[in-house]
Amino acid sequence: MRAGHTHTVDVTFDGHTHPVDTGFLVFNDRTYPNLIALFSELGIQSHPSEMSFSVSLDNGCLEWAGTTV
């Protein structure tokens, strides 16, 4: 089983196959430095945005929230 964000495909390069996410929700320079380098190489622009995430499990017994703000 492969875990990806929205659409993961296998890419074979130099005899090695790697799962690659072709869609994603958000990226940043800390966790996606290679993707940012690829975008730069291809001349693809990005735009800053705010992001938040939260989760609630077991009817609220465990909750967590985070934000970039």
PDB file of N, CA and C in Angstrom:
ATOM      1  N   MET A   1       0.838  -1.172   0.000  1.00  0.00           N
ATOM      2  CA  MET A   1       0.000   0.000   0.000  1.00  0.00           C
ATOM      3  C   MET A   1       0.888   1.242   0.000  1.00  0.00           C
ATOM      4  N   ARG A   2       0.524   2.216  -0.821  1.00  0.00           N
ATOM      5  CA  ARG A   2       1.246   3.483  -0.860  1.00  0.00           C
ATOM      6  C   ARG A   2       0.417   4.548  -0.164  1.00  0.00           C
ATOM      7  N   ALA A   3       1.067   5.397   0.578  1.00  0.00           N
ATOM      8  CA  ALA A   3       0.378   6.512   1.215  1.00  0.00           C
ATOM      9  C   ALA A   3       0.760   7.791   0.496  1.00  0.00           C
ATOM     10  N   GLY A   4      -0.229   8.509   0.055  1.00  0.00           N
ATOM     11  CA  GLY A   4       0.013   9.777  -0.609  1.00  0.00           C
ATOM     12  C   GLY A   4      -1.066  10.764  -0.233  1.00  0.00           C
ATOM     13  N   HIS A   5      -0.895  11.974  -0.663  1.00  0.00           N
ATOM     14  CA  HIS A   5      -1.864  13.011  -0.318  1.00  0.00           C
ATOM     15  C   HIS A   5      -3.113  12.913  -1.192  1.00  0.00           C
ATOM     16  N   THR A   6      -2.974  13.061  -2.502  1.00  0.00           N
ATOM     17  CA  THR A   6      -4.145  13.039  -3.368  1.00  0.00           C
ATOM     18  C   THR A   6      -4.004  12.105  -4.553  1.00  0.00           C
ATOM     19  N   HIS A   7      -2.797  11.962  -5.085  1.00  0.00           N
ATOM     20  CA  HIS A   7      -2.610  11.096  -6.246  1.00  0.00           C
ATOM     21  C   HIS A   7      -1.149  10.693  -6.316  1.00  0.00           C
ATOM     22  N   THR A   8      -0.852   9.466  -5.945  1.00  0.00           N
ATOM     23  CA  THR A   8       0.529   8.981  -5.934  1.00  0.00           C
ATOM     24  C   THR A   8       0.740   8.056  -7.120  1.00  0.00           C
ATOM     25  N   VAL A   9       1.819   8.287  -7.857  1.00  0.00           N
ATOM     26  CA  VAL A   9       2.160   7.436  -9.001  1.00  0.00           C
ATOM     27  C   VAL A   9       3.587   6.944  -8.820  1.00  0.00           C
ATOM     28  N   ASP A  10       3.882   5.776  -9.382  1.00  0.00           N
ATOM     29  CA  ASP A  10       5.245   5.252  -9.361  1.00  0.00           C
ATOM     30  C   ASP A  10       6.019   5.843 -10.530  1.00  0.00           C
ATOM     31  N   VAL A  11       7.199   6.362 -10.249  1.00  0.00           N
ATOM     32  CA  VAL A  11       8.077   6.920 -11.274  1.00  0.00           C
ATOM     33  C   VAL A  11       9.384   6.145 -11.230  1.00  0.00           C
ATOM     34  N   THR A  12       9.801   5.623 -12.383  1.00  0.00           N
ATOM     35  CA  THR A  12      11.050   4.879 -12.462  1.00  0.00           C
ATOM     36  C   THR A  12      12.093   5.743 -13.153  1.00  0.00           C
ATOM     37  N   PHE A  13      13.238   5.899 -12.490  1.00  0.00           N
ATOM     38  CA  PHE A  13      14.334   6.705 -13.018  1.00  0.00           C
ATOM     39  C   PHE A  13      15.631   6.003 -12.683  1.00  0.00           C
ATOM     40  N   ASP A  14      16.464   5.809 -13.666  1.00  0.00           N
ATOM     41  CA  ASP A  14      17.747   5.114 -13.494  1.00  0.00           C
ATOM     42  C   ASP A  14      17.573   3.758 -12.817  1.00  0.00           C
ATOM     43  N   GLY A  15      16.518   3.042 -13.164  1.00  0.00           N
ATOM     44  CA  GLY A  15      16.302   1.709 -12.635  1.00  0.00           C
ATOM     45  C   GLY A  15      15.714   1.653 -11.237  1.00  0.00           C
ATOM     46  N   HIS A  16      15.401   2.784 -10.643  1.00  0.00           N
ATOM     47  CA  HIS A  16      14.806   2.824  -9.307  1.00  0.00           C
ATOM     48  C   HIS A  16      13.398   3.402  -9.393  1.00  0.00           C
ATOM     49  N   THR A  17      12.453   2.729  -8.752  1.00  0.00           N
ATOM     50  CA  THR A  17      11.065   3.187  -8.753  1.00  0.00           C
ATOM     51  C   THR A  17      10.753   3.855  -7.423  1.00  0.00           C
ATOM     52  N   HIS A  18      10.122   5.027  -7.509  1.00  0.00           N
ATOM     53  CA  HIS A  18       9.785   5.816  -6.330  1.00  0.00           C
ATOM     54  C   HIS A  18       8.329   6.269  -6.402  1.00  0.00           C
ATOM     55  N   PRO A  19       7.602   6.229  -5.271  1.00  0.00           N
ATOM     56  CA  PRO A  19       6.254   6.797  -5.262  1.00  0.00           C
ATOM     57  C   PRO A  19       6.363   8.321  -5.223  1.00  0.00           C
ATOM     58  N   VAL A  20       5.610   8.998  -6.085  1.00  0.00           N
ATOM     59  CA  VAL A  20       5.650  10.457  -6.166  1.00  0.00           C
ATOM     60  C   VAL A  20       4.234  10.993  -6.038  1.00  0.00           C
ATOM     61  N   ASP A  21       4.032  11.914  -5.099  1.00  0.00           N
ATOM     62  CA  ASP A  21       2.744  12.582  -4.974  1.00  0.00           C
ATOM     63  C   ASP A  21       2.626  13.621  -6.079  1.00  0.00           C
ATOM     64  N   THR A  22       1.579  13.525  -6.879  1.00  0.00           N
ATOM     65  CA  THR A  22       1.379  14.491  -7.955  1.00  0.00           C
ATOM     66  C   THR A  22       0.368  15.559  -7.565  1.00  0.00           C
ATOM     67  N   GLY A  23      -0.213  15.428  -6.417  1.00  0.00           N
ATOM     68  CA  GLY A  23      -1.122  16.439  -5.899  1.00  0.00           C
ATOM     69  C   GLY A  23      -0.907  16.563  -4.408  1.00  0.00           C
ATOM     70  N   PHE A  24      -1.112  17.735  -3.874  1.00  0.00           N
ATOM     71  CA  PHE A  24      -0.872  17.929  -2.455  1.00  0.00           C
ATOM     72  C   PHE A  24      -1.710  19.098  -1.967  1.00  0.00           C
ATOM     73  N   LEU A  25      -1.850  19.202  -0.677  1.00  0.00           N
ATOM     74  CA  LEU A  25      -2.637  20.273  -0.079  1.00  0.00           C
ATOM     75  C   LEU A  25      -1.819  21.526   0.162  1.00  0.00           C
ATOM     76  N   VAL A  26      -0.618  21.335   0.661  1.00  0.00           N
ATOM     77  CA  VAL A  26       0.229  22.473   1.003  1.00  0.00           C
ATOM     78  C   VAL A  26       1.680  22.012   0.998  1.00  0.00           C
ATOM     79  N   PHE A  27       2.588  22.933   0.796  1.00  0.00           N
ATOM     80  CA  PHE A  27       4.002  22.615   0.934  1.00  0.00           C
ATOM     81  C   PHE A  27       4.694  23.813   1.561  1.00  0.00           C
ATOM     82  N   ASN A  28       5.837  23.561   2.156  1.00  0.00           N
ATOM     83  CA  ASN A  28       6.625  24.649   2.725  1.00  0.00           C
ATOM     84  C   ASN A  28       8.102  24.338   2.554  1.00  0.00           C
ATOM     85  N   ASP A  29       8.933  25.349   2.794  1.00  0.00           N
ATOM     86  CA  ASP A  29      10.360  25.168   2.528  1.00  0.00           C
ATOM     87  C   ASP A  29      11.037  24.203   3.489  1.00  0.00           C
ATOM     88  N   ARG A  30      10.475  24.009   4.681  1.00  0.00           N
ATOM     89  CA  ARG A  30      11.089  23.089   5.638  1.00  0.00           C
ATOM     90  C   ARG A  30      10.852  21.624   5.276  1.00  0.00           C
ATOM     91  N   THR A  31       9.642  21.288   4.834  1.00  0.00           N
ATOM     92  CA  THR A  31       9.319  19.888   4.573  1.00  0.00           C
ATOM     93  C   THR A  31       9.371  19.505   3.086  1.00  0.00           C
ATOM     94  N   TYR A  32       9.439  20.477   2.198  1.00  0.00           N
ATOM     95  CA  TYR A  32       9.461  20.176   0.763  1.00  0.00           C
ATOM     96  C   TYR A  32      10.596  20.912   0.030  1.00  0.00           C
ATOM     97  N   PRO A  33      11.831  20.849   0.524  1.00  0.00           N
ATOM     98  CA  PRO A  33      12.904  21.590  -0.158  1.00  0.00           C
ATOM     99  C   PRO A  33      13.164  21.092  -1.578  1.00  0.00           C
ATOM    100  N   ASN A  34      13.032  19.805  -1.829  1.00  0.00           N
ATOM    101  CA  ASN A  34      13.278  19.281  -3.183  1.00  0.00           C
ATOM    102  C   ASN A  34      12.165  19.699  -4.142  1.00  0.00           C
ATOM    103  N   LEU A  35      10.933  19.735  -3.664  1.00  0.00           N
ATOM    104  CA  LEU A  35       9.821  20.173  -4.514  1.00  0.00           C
ATOM    105  C   LEU A  35       9.992  21.646  -4.873  1.00  0.00           C
ATOM    106  N   ILE A  36      10.398  22.453  -3.902  1.00  0.00           N
ATOM    107  CA  ILE A  36      10.621  23.870  -4.166  1.00  0.00           C
ATOM    108  C   ILE A  36      11.754  24.043  -5.175  1.00  0.00           C
ATOM    109  N   ALA A  37      12.805  23.244  -5.055  1.00  0.00           N
ATOM    110  CA  ALA A  37      13.909  23.300  -6.022  1.00  0.00           C
ATOM    111  C   ALA A  37      13.425  22.905  -7.417  1.00  0.00           C
ATOM    112  N   LEU A  38      12.569  21.883  -7.499  1.00  0.00           N
ATOM    113  CA  LEU A  38      12.017  21.474  -8.794  1.00  0.00           C
ATOM    114  C   LEU A  38      11.169  22.592  -9.391  1.00  0.00           C
ATOM    115  N   PHE A  39      10.299  23.185  -8.581  1.00  0.00           N
ATOM    116  CA  PHE A  39       9.476  24.293  -9.072  1.00  0.00           C
ATOM    117  C   PHE A  39      10.359  25.431  -9.589  1.00  0.00           C
ATOM    118  N   SER A  40      11.417  25.733  -8.859  1.00  0.00           N
ATOM    119  CA  SER A  40      12.337  26.797  -9.279  1.00  0.00           C
ATOM    120  C   SER A  40      12.980  26.450 -10.615  1.00  0.00           C
ATOM    121  N   GLU A  41      13.441  25.208 -10.738  1.00  0.00           N
ATOM    122  CA  GLU A  41      14.074  24.752 -11.989  1.00  0.00           C
ATOM    123  C   GLU A  41      13.110  24.845 -13.169  1.00  0.00           C
ATOM    124  N   LEU A  42      11.830  24.555 -12.917  1.00  0.00           N
ATOM    125  CA  LEU A  42      10.815  24.579 -13.975  1.00  0.00           C
ATOM    126  C   LEU A  42      10.190  25.957 -14.182  1.00  0.00           C
ATOM    127  N   GLY A  43      10.563  26.917 -13.331  1.00  0.00           N
ATOM    128  CA  GLY A  43      10.009  28.260 -13.454  1.00  0.00           C
ATOM    129  C   GLY A  43       8.572  28.373 -12.961  1.00  0.00           C
ATOM    130  N   ILE A  44       8.174  27.491 -12.049  1.00  0.00           N
ATOM    131  CA  ILE A  44       6.811  27.497 -11.515  1.00  0.00           C
ATOM    132  C   ILE A  44       6.764  28.389 -10.278  1.00  0.00           C
ATOM    133  N   GLN A  45       5.833  29.321 -10.268  1.00  0.00           N
ATOM    134  CA  GLN A  45       5.693  30.230  -9.135  1.00  0.00           C
ATOM    135  C   GLN A  45       4.778  29.636  -8.079  1.00  0.00           C
ATOM    136  N   SER A  46       4.998  30.025  -6.840  1.00  0.00           N
ATOM    137  CA  SER A  46       4.108  29.643  -5.742  1.00  0.00           C
ATOM    138  C   SER A  46       3.668  30.911  -5.019  1.00  0.00           C
ATOM    139  N   HIS A  47       2.657  30.770  -4.194  1.00  0.00           N
ATOM    140  CA  HIS A  47       2.107  31.907  -3.470  1.00  0.00           C
ATOM    141  C   HIS A  47       1.902  31.521  -2.011  1.00  0.00           C
ATOM    142  N   PRO A  48       2.237  32.392  -1.087  1.00  0.00           N
ATOM    143  CA  PRO A  48       2.032  32.086   0.335  1.00  0.00           C
ATOM    144  C   PRO A  48       0.548  32.003   0.688  1.00  0.00           C
ATOM    145  N   SER A  49       0.243  31.182   1.663  1.00  0.00           N
ATOM    146  CA  SER A  49      -1.129  31.068   2.152  1.00  0.00           C
ATOM    147  C   SER A  49      -1.087  30.646   3.614  1.00  0.00           C
ATOM    148  N   GLU A  50      -2.197  30.810   4.298  1.00  0.00           N
ATOM    149  CA  GLU A  50      -2.314  30.366   5.677  1.00  0.00           C
ATOM    150  C   GLU A  50      -2.836  28.938   5.692  1.00  0.00           C
ATOM    151  N   MET A  51      -2.456  28.191   6.706  1.00  0.00           N
ATOM    152  CA  MET A  51      -2.894  26.811   6.806  1.00  0.00           C
ATOM    153  C   MET A  51      -3.202  26.479   8.259  1.00  0.00           C
ATOM    154  N   SER A  52      -4.212  25.658   8.435  1.00  0.00           N
ATOM    155  CA  SER A  52      -4.508  25.148   9.773  1.00  0.00           C
ATOM    156  C   SER A  52      -4.921  23.683   9.640  1.00  0.00           C
ATOM    157  N   PHE A  53      -4.857  22.971  10.746  1.00  0.00           N
ATOM    158  CA  PHE A  53      -5.229  21.556  10.762  1.00  0.00           C
ATOM    159  C   PHE A  53      -5.752  21.232  12.147  1.00  0.00           C
ATOM    160  N   SER A  54      -6.782  20.414  12.197  1.00  0.00           N
ATOM    161  CA  SER A  54      -7.281  19.965  13.494  1.00  0.00           C
ATOM    162  C   SER A  54      -7.808  18.547  13.369  1.00  0.00           C
ATOM    163  N   VAL A  55      -7.850  17.843  14.506  1.00  0.00           N
ATOM    164  CA  VAL A  55      -8.377  16.485  14.537  1.00  0.00           C
ATOM    165  C   VAL A  55      -9.085  16.270  15.868  1.00  0.00           C
ATOM    166  N   SER A  56     -10.152  15.490  15.821  1.00  0.00           N
ATOM    167  CA  SER A  56     -10.891  15.138  17.029  1.00  0.00           C
ATOM    168  C   SER A  56     -11.179  13.641  16.973  1.00  0.00           C
ATOM    169  N   LEU A  57     -10.759  12.911  18.021  1.00  0.00           N
ATOM    170  CA  LEU A  57     -10.941  11.463  18.072  1.00  0.00           C
ATOM    171  C   LEU A  57     -11.739  11.058  19.308  1.00  0.00           C
ATOM    172  N   ASP A  58     -12.362   9.933  19.228  1.00  0.00           N
ATOM    173  CA  ASP A  58     -13.091   9.356  20.362  1.00  0.00           C
ATOM    174  C   ASP A  58     -14.071  10.343  20.986  1.00  0.00           C
ATOM    175  N   ASN A  59     -14.932  10.929  20.145  1.00  0.00           N
ATOM    176  CA  ASN A  59     -15.957  11.871  20.610  1.00  0.00           C
ATOM    177  C   ASN A  59     -15.371  13.011  21.431  1.00  0.00           C
ATOM    178  N   GLY A  60     -14.236  13.526  21.015  1.00  0.00           N
ATOM    179  CA  GLY A  60     -13.629  14.678  21.679  1.00  0.00           C
ATOM    180  C   GLY A  60     -12.682  14.352  22.815  1.00  0.00           C
ATOM    181  N   CYS A  61     -12.425  13.075  23.076  1.00  0.00           N
ATOM    182  CA  CYS A  61     -11.493  12.718  24.161  1.00  0.00           C
ATOM    183  C   CYS A  61     -10.058  13.131  23.827  1.00  0.00           C
ATOM    184  N   LEU A  62      -9.718  13.131  22.548  1.00  0.00           N
ATOM    185  CA  LEU A  62      -8.399  13.574  22.105  1.00  0.00           C
ATOM    186  C   LEU A  62      -8.607  14.583  20.990  1.00  0.00           C
ATOM    187  N   GLU A  63      -8.130  15.807  21.202  1.00  0.00           N
ATOM    188  CA  GLU A  63      -8.248  16.834  20.190  1.00  0.00           C
ATOM    189  C   GLU A  63      -6.924  17.563  20.045  1.00  0.00           C
ATOM    190  N   TRP A  64      -6.636  18.004  18.822  1.00  0.00           N
ATOM    191  CA  TRP A  64      -5.417  18.738  18.546  1.00  0.00           C
ATOM    192  C   TRP A  64      -5.694  19.714  17.425  1.00  0.00           C
ATOM    193  N   ALA A  65      -5.082  20.872  17.479  1.00  0.00           N
ATOM    194  CA  ALA A  65      -5.196  21.863  16.411  1.00  0.00           C
ATOM    195  C   ALA A  65      -3.876  22.580  16.246  1.00  0.00           C
ATOM    196  N   GLY A  66      -3.555  22.925  15.042  1.00  0.00           N
ATOM    197  CA  GLY A  66      -2.340  23.663  14.767  1.00  0.00           C
ATOM    198  C   GLY A  66      -2.583  24.666  13.653  1.00  0.00           C
ATOM    199  N   THR A  67      -1.747  25.661  13.593  1.00  0.00           N
ATOM    200  CA  THR A  67      -1.884  26.688  12.574  1.00  0.00           C
ATOM    201  C   THR A  67      -0.516  27.292  12.286  1.00  0.00           C
ATOM    202  N   THR A  68      -0.397  27.957  11.156  1.00  0.00           N
ATOM    203  CA  THR A  68       0.841  28.644  10.824  1.00  0.00           C
ATOM    204  C   THR A  68       0.773  30.106  11.240  1.00  0.00           C
ATOM    205  N   VAL A  69      -0.351  30.546  11.766  1.00  0.00           N
ATOM    206  CA  VAL A  69      -0.528  31.957  12.146  1.00  0.00           C
ATOM    207  C   VAL A  69      -0.085  32.157  13.582  1.00  0.00           C
TER     208      VAL A  69
END
